[in-house]
Amino acid sequence: MRKTMLLGIVLVTIFITGCTQETQNKLGRAIVNWTGTNGVLEIVSGGKIIKRFMKIDKLSTAYGTSDNRPRPYRYGYGYIDMNLDGILQKEEKKRKVYFEIGAYDHYIFYENPK
């Protein structure tokens, strides 16, 4: 059992070290996408937070349908923190929403430390 487990670890290590940096990054993103995160997105205007989305698992870059080129916005799903207190209230947890962020929007995305 231990030998099989050790062999598996060695093979995975060899596979990952043989990959290019871009492939390693894609693998890392896939693992994060699979495990999920507890992300918070804050949209800032005039030095103040004007909108906050919580419990975001990932932000994705949009790609064109016909040309498969990246679009100048990102999107995701999360819950709106209506009163901007950093705590999702019972009524805020009722509905997950879709959102988009433009390339020129000022925002901060981070994993919620709570």
N, C-alpha and C. Protein backbone atom coordinates (compact mmCIF):
# COMPACT_ATOMS: atom_id res chain seq x y z
N MET A 1 0.83 -1.20 0.00
CA MET A 1 0.00 0.00 0.00
C MET A 1 0.87 1.26 0.00
N ARG A 2 1.87 1.28 0.90
CA ARG A 2 2.74 2.45 1.00
C ARG A 2 3.58 2.61 -0.27
N LYS A 3 4.02 1.47 -0.85
CA LYS A 3 4.83 1.53 -2.07
C LYS A 3 4.01 2.09 -3.23
N THR A 4 2.74 1.70 -3.33
CA THR A 4 1.86 2.20 -4.39
C THR A 4 1.64 3.70 -4.23
N MET A 5 1.42 4.12 -2.99
CA MET A 5 1.21 5.55 -2.72
C MET A 5 2.47 6.35 -3.05
N LEU A 6 3.62 5.84 -2.65
CA LEU A 6 4.89 6.52 -2.93
C LEU A 6 5.14 6.59 -4.44
N LEU A 7 4.86 5.51 -5.14
CA LEU A 7 5.03 5.50 -6.59
C LEU A 7 4.11 6.53 -7.25
N GLY A 8 2.86 6.65 -6.78
CA GLY A 8 1.92 7.65 -7.30
C GLY A 8 2.44 9.06 -7.09
N ILE A 9 2.97 9.34 -5.93
CA ILE A 9 3.51 10.67 -5.64
C ILE A 9 4.69 10.98 -6.54
N VAL A 10 5.57 10.01 -6.74
CA VAL A 10 6.74 10.20 -7.61
C VAL A 10 6.30 10.47 -9.05
N LEU A 11 5.33 9.71 -9.55
CA LEU A 11 4.86 9.90 -10.92
C LEU A 11 4.20 11.27 -11.11
N VAL A 12 3.39 11.70 -10.14
CA VAL A 12 2.76 13.02 -10.23
C VAL A 12 3.82 14.11 -10.21
N THR A 13 4.83 13.97 -9.36
CA THR A 13 5.91 14.96 -9.28
C THR A 13 6.67 15.05 -10.61
N ILE A 14 6.97 13.91 -11.20
CA ILE A 14 7.67 13.90 -12.49
C ILE A 14 6.81 14.55 -13.56
N PHE A 15 5.51 14.24 -13.57
CA PHE A 15 4.60 14.82 -14.56
C PHE A 15 4.56 16.35 -14.43
N ILE A 16 4.41 16.84 -13.21
CA ILE A 16 4.29 18.29 -13.00
C ILE A 16 5.59 19.01 -13.34
N THR A 17 6.72 18.46 -12.95
CA THR A 17 7.99 19.14 -13.25
C THR A 17 8.30 19.12 -14.74
N GLY A 18 7.74 18.19 -15.48
CA GLY A 18 7.94 18.13 -16.92
C GLY A 18 7.05 19.09 -17.69
N CYS A 19 6.08 19.69 -17.04
CA CYS A 19 5.14 20.61 -17.69
C CYS A 19 5.75 22.00 -17.81
N THR A 20 5.27 22.74 -18.78
CA THR A 20 5.69 24.14 -18.90
C THR A 20 5.06 24.95 -17.78
N GLN A 21 5.54 26.16 -17.57
CA GLN A 21 5.00 27.03 -16.53
C GLN A 21 3.52 27.31 -16.77
N GLU A 22 3.14 27.52 -18.04
CA GLU A 22 1.73 27.80 -18.34
C GLU A 22 0.85 26.60 -18.00
N THR A 23 1.32 25.40 -18.31
CA THR A 23 0.56 24.20 -17.99
C THR A 23 0.44 24.03 -16.48
N GLN A 24 1.51 24.32 -15.75
CA GLN A 24 1.46 24.26 -14.28
C GLN A 24 0.44 25.27 -13.74
N ASN A 25 0.42 26.48 -14.34
CA ASN A 25 -0.55 27.48 -13.90
C ASN A 25 -1.97 27.01 -14.15
N LYS A 26 -2.21 26.41 -15.32
CA LYS A 26 -3.54 25.90 -15.64
C LYS A 26 -3.96 24.80 -14.67
N LEU A 27 -3.01 23.92 -14.34
CA LEU A 27 -3.30 22.87 -13.36
C LEU A 27 -3.65 23.47 -12.00
N GLY A 28 -2.88 24.48 -11.59
CA GLY A 28 -3.14 25.14 -10.32
C GLY A 28 -4.51 25.78 -10.29
N ARG A 29 -4.88 26.46 -11.39
CA ARG A 29 -6.21 27.09 -11.46
C ARG A 29 -7.30 26.03 -11.45
N ALA A 30 -7.06 24.91 -12.12
CA ALA A 30 -8.06 23.84 -12.14
C ALA A 30 -8.27 23.28 -10.74
N ILE A 31 -7.19 23.14 -9.98
CA ILE A 31 -7.33 22.63 -8.61
C ILE A 31 -8.09 23.63 -7.77
N VAL A 32 -7.78 24.92 -7.88
CA VAL A 32 -8.51 25.94 -7.12
C VAL A 32 -9.97 25.97 -7.54
N ASN A 33 -10.24 25.85 -8.85
CA ASN A 33 -11.61 25.83 -9.32
C ASN A 33 -12.37 24.62 -8.78
N TRP A 34 -11.68 23.51 -8.67
CA TRP A 34 -12.32 22.29 -8.19
C TRP A 34 -12.58 22.37 -6.69
N THR A 35 -11.60 22.86 -5.94
CA THR A 35 -11.76 22.92 -4.48
C THR A 35 -12.57 24.13 -4.07
N GLY A 36 -12.55 25.19 -4.87
CA GLY A 36 -13.29 26.40 -4.55
C GLY A 36 -12.53 27.29 -3.57
N THR A 37 -12.96 28.52 -3.51
CA THR A 37 -12.40 29.47 -2.56
C THR A 37 -13.55 30.25 -1.96
N ASN A 38 -13.25 31.10 -1.02
CA ASN A 38 -14.25 31.94 -0.40
C ASN A 38 -13.90 33.38 -0.75
N GLY A 39 -14.01 33.72 -2.03
CA GLY A 39 -13.56 35.02 -2.52
C GLY A 39 -14.52 36.15 -2.22
N VAL A 40 -13.93 37.33 -2.12
CA VAL A 40 -14.68 38.58 -1.93
C VAL A 40 -14.23 39.53 -3.03
N LEU A 41 -15.18 40.17 -3.69
CA LEU A 41 -14.88 41.15 -4.72
C LEU A 41 -15.46 42.48 -4.27
N GLU A 42 -14.60 43.48 -4.16
CA GLU A 42 -15.04 44.82 -3.78
C GLU A 42 -14.81 45.76 -4.96
N ILE A 43 -15.86 46.46 -5.36
CA ILE A 43 -15.75 47.45 -6.43
C ILE A 43 -15.61 48.81 -5.77
N VAL A 44 -14.57 49.55 -6.18
CA VAL A 44 -14.21 50.80 -5.53
C VAL A 44 -14.40 51.97 -6.48
N SER A 45 -14.95 53.06 -5.96
CA SER A 45 -15.09 54.30 -6.73
C SER A 45 -14.88 55.47 -5.78
N GLY A 46 -14.03 56.38 -6.16
CA GLY A 46 -13.77 57.54 -5.31
C GLY A 46 -13.19 57.17 -3.96
N GLY A 47 -12.44 56.09 -3.91
CA GLY A 47 -11.82 55.66 -2.67
C GLY A 47 -12.76 54.95 -1.71
N LYS A 48 -13.99 54.68 -2.13
CA LYS A 48 -14.97 54.01 -1.27
C LYS A 48 -15.47 52.74 -1.93
N ILE A 49 -15.79 51.76 -1.11
CA ILE A 49 -16.38 50.52 -1.62
C ILE A 49 -17.83 50.81 -1.94
N ILE A 50 -18.21 50.57 -3.20
CA ILE A 50 -19.60 50.86 -3.60
C ILE A 50 -20.41 49.58 -3.80
N LYS A 51 -19.73 48.44 -3.97
CA LYS A 51 -20.43 47.17 -4.14
C LYS A 51 -19.52 46.06 -3.65
N ARG A 52 -20.11 45.04 -3.01
CA ARG A 52 -19.32 43.90 -2.54
C ARG A 52 -20.07 42.62 -2.87
N PHE A 53 -19.34 41.69 -3.49
CA PHE A 53 -19.86 40.35 -3.75
C PHE A 53 -19.05 39.38 -2.89
N MET A 54 -19.74 38.43 -2.28
CA MET A 54 -19.07 37.49 -1.38
C MET A 54 -19.34 36.05 -1.79
N LYS A 55 -18.52 35.16 -1.23
CA LYS A 55 -18.61 33.72 -1.49
C LYS A 55 -18.48 33.40 -2.98
N ILE A 56 -17.49 34.02 -3.59
CA ILE A 56 -17.20 33.80 -5.01
C ILE A 56 -16.20 32.65 -5.09
N ASP A 57 -16.48 31.68 -5.95
CA ASP A 57 -15.54 30.58 -6.08
C ASP A 57 -14.42 30.90 -7.06
N LYS A 58 -14.72 31.72 -8.09
CA LYS A 58 -13.67 32.11 -9.02
C LYS A 58 -14.15 33.27 -9.89
N LEU A 59 -13.20 34.01 -10.43
CA LEU A 59 -13.47 35.00 -11.47
C LEU A 59 -12.97 34.39 -12.77
N SER A 60 -13.75 34.53 -13.82
CA SER A 60 -13.38 33.96 -15.11
C SER A 60 -13.23 35.06 -16.14
N THR A 61 -12.34 34.87 -17.08
CA THR A 61 -12.19 35.78 -18.20
C THR A 61 -13.12 35.32 -19.31
N ALA A 62 -13.86 36.25 -19.87
CA ALA A 62 -14.79 35.91 -20.96
C ALA A 62 -14.01 35.74 -22.26
N TYR A 63 -14.44 34.78 -23.06
CA TYR A 63 -13.85 34.53 -24.38
C TYR A 63 -14.92 34.60 -25.44
N GLY A 64 -14.57 35.10 -26.61
CA GLY A 64 -15.51 35.20 -27.72
C GLY A 64 -15.93 33.83 -28.22
N THR A 65 -17.17 33.74 -28.65
CA THR A 65 -17.70 32.47 -29.14
C THR A 65 -17.06 32.08 -30.47
N SER A 66 -16.99 33.01 -31.41
CA SER A 66 -16.49 32.67 -32.74
C SER A 66 -14.97 32.79 -32.86
N ASP A 67 -14.36 33.76 -32.19
CA ASP A 67 -12.92 33.94 -32.35
C ASP A 67 -12.08 33.41 -31.17
N ASN A 68 -12.73 33.02 -30.09
CA ASN A 68 -12.07 32.47 -28.91
C ASN A 68 -10.98 33.39 -28.35
N ARG A 69 -11.15 34.69 -28.52
CA ARG A 69 -10.21 35.68 -27.99
C ARG A 69 -10.75 36.23 -26.67
N PRO A 70 -9.86 36.57 -25.75
CA PRO A 70 -10.33 37.09 -24.46
C PRO A 70 -11.06 38.42 -24.61
N ARG A 71 -12.11 38.58 -23.87
CA ARG A 71 -12.89 39.82 -23.86
C ARG A 71 -12.42 40.71 -22.71
N PRO A 72 -12.69 42.02 -22.78
CA PRO A 72 -12.17 42.93 -21.76
C PRO A 72 -13.01 42.99 -20.49
N TYR A 73 -13.54 41.86 -20.07
CA TYR A 73 -14.25 41.83 -18.79
C TYR A 73 -14.12 40.46 -18.15
N ARG A 74 -14.37 40.42 -16.86
CA ARG A 74 -14.35 39.17 -16.10
C ARG A 74 -15.74 38.96 -15.52
N TYR A 75 -16.06 37.74 -15.17
CA TYR A 75 -17.38 37.46 -14.63
C TYR A 75 -17.30 36.39 -13.55
N GLY A 76 -18.37 36.29 -12.80
CA GLY A 76 -18.45 35.28 -11.75
C GLY A 76 -19.83 35.24 -11.14
N TYR A 77 -19.95 34.45 -10.09
CA TYR A 77 -21.20 34.32 -9.35
C TYR A 77 -20.89 34.53 -7.87
N GLY A 78 -21.77 35.23 -7.19
CA GLY A 78 -21.59 35.45 -5.76
C GLY A 78 -22.85 36.04 -5.15
N TYR A 79 -22.75 36.41 -3.89
CA TYR A 79 -23.86 37.01 -3.16
C TYR A 79 -23.55 38.49 -2.91
N ILE A 80 -24.53 39.36 -3.11
CA ILE A 80 -24.32 40.80 -2.89
C ILE A 80 -24.44 41.10 -1.40
N ASP A 81 -23.43 41.76 -0.87
CA ASP A 81 -23.46 42.25 0.51
C ASP A 81 -24.12 43.62 0.47
N MET A 82 -25.43 43.64 0.59
CA MET A 82 -26.22 44.87 0.40
C MET A 82 -25.82 46.01 1.34
N ASN A 83 -25.55 45.70 2.61
CA ASN A 83 -25.23 46.76 3.57
C ASN A 83 -23.72 46.94 3.77
N LEU A 84 -22.93 46.25 2.98
CA LEU A 84 -21.45 46.39 2.99
C LEU A 84 -20.83 46.18 4.37
N ASP A 85 -21.41 45.29 5.17
CA ASP A 85 -20.86 45.04 6.49
C ASP A 85 -19.89 43.86 6.53
N GLY A 86 -19.73 43.16 5.39
CA GLY A 86 -18.81 42.03 5.32
C GLY A 86 -19.38 40.74 5.86
N ILE A 87 -20.65 40.75 6.23
CA ILE A 87 -21.33 39.56 6.75
C ILE A 87 -22.59 39.35 5.93
N LEU A 88 -22.76 38.16 5.39
CA LEU A 88 -23.96 37.89 4.62
C LEU A 88 -25.13 37.64 5.57
N GLN A 89 -26.13 38.47 5.45
CA GLN A 89 -27.34 38.33 6.26
C GLN A 89 -28.23 37.26 5.64
N LYS A 90 -29.21 36.82 6.40
CA LYS A 90 -30.12 35.76 5.96
C LYS A 90 -30.76 36.09 4.61
N GLU A 91 -31.25 37.31 4.45
CA GLU A 91 -31.91 37.70 3.20
C GLU A 91 -30.92 37.82 2.03
N GLU A 92 -29.65 38.09 2.32
CA GLU A 92 -28.64 38.20 1.26
C GLU A 92 -28.22 36.83 0.74
N LYS A 93 -28.36 35.80 1.56
CA LYS A 93 -27.96 34.44 1.18
C LYS A 93 -28.99 33.73 0.32
N LYS A 94 -30.13 34.35 0.08
CA LYS A 94 -31.21 33.68 -0.62
C LYS A 94 -30.96 33.50 -2.11
N ARG A 95 -30.13 34.36 -2.69
CA ARG A 95 -29.98 34.28 -4.13
C ARG A 95 -28.57 34.62 -4.57
N LYS A 96 -27.99 33.70 -5.30
CA LYS A 96 -26.68 33.92 -5.90
C LYS A 96 -26.89 34.69 -7.19
N VAL A 97 -26.00 35.66 -7.46
CA VAL A 97 -26.16 36.50 -8.64
C VAL A 97 -24.94 36.39 -9.56
N TYR A 98 -25.18 36.64 -10.83
CA TYR A 98 -24.13 36.72 -11.84
C TYR A 98 -23.67 38.17 -11.92
N PHE A 99 -22.37 38.39 -12.08
CA PHE A 99 -21.86 39.76 -12.22
C PHE A 99 -20.74 39.79 -13.25
N GLU A 100 -20.51 40.96 -13.79
CA GLU A 100 -19.40 41.20 -14.72
C GLU A 100 -18.64 42.43 -14.25
N ILE A 101 -17.34 42.42 -14.48
CA ILE A 101 -16.47 43.55 -14.14
C ILE A 101 -15.74 43.95 -15.40
N GLY A 102 -15.83 45.23 -15.76
CA GLY A 102 -15.15 45.72 -16.95
C GLY A 102 -13.66 45.86 -16.74
N ALA A 103 -12.93 45.95 -17.83
CA ALA A 103 -11.47 46.06 -17.78
C ALA A 103 -11.01 47.33 -17.09
N TYR A 104 -11.84 48.35 -17.08
CA TYR A 104 -11.44 49.62 -16.49
C TYR A 104 -12.07 49.88 -15.13
N ASP A 105 -12.81 48.92 -14.60
CA ASP A 105 -13.36 49.05 -13.25
C ASP A 105 -12.23 48.88 -12.24
N HIS A 106 -12.36 49.55 -11.12
CA HIS A 106 -11.40 49.41 -10.04
C HIS A 106 -11.98 48.43 -9.03
N TYR A 107 -11.28 47.33 -8.84
CA TYR A 107 -11.80 46.31 -7.93
C TYR A 107 -10.67 45.60 -7.21
N ILE A 108 -11.03 44.96 -6.11
CA ILE A 108 -10.11 44.16 -5.33
C ILE A 108 -10.77 42.80 -5.16
N PHE A 109 -10.04 41.74 -5.45
CA PHE A 109 -10.54 40.38 -5.26
C PHE A 109 -9.60 39.67 -4.30
N TYR A 110 -10.14 39.10 -3.26
CA TYR A 110 -9.31 38.40 -2.28
C TYR A 110 -10.10 37.27 -1.63
N GLU A 111 -9.37 36.35 -1.01
CA GLU A 111 -10.01 35.25 -0.29
C GLU A 111 -10.40 35.76 1.09
N ASN A 112 -11.64 35.49 1.47
CA ASN A 112 -12.14 35.93 2.75
C ASN A 112 -11.40 35.21 3.88
N PRO A 113 -10.76 35.96 4.77
CA PRO A 113 -9.99 35.31 5.84
C PRO A 113 -10.86 34.71 6.95
N LYS A 114 -12.16 34.99 6.93
CA LYS A 114 -13.04 34.50 8.00
C LYS A 114 -13.37 33.05 7.82
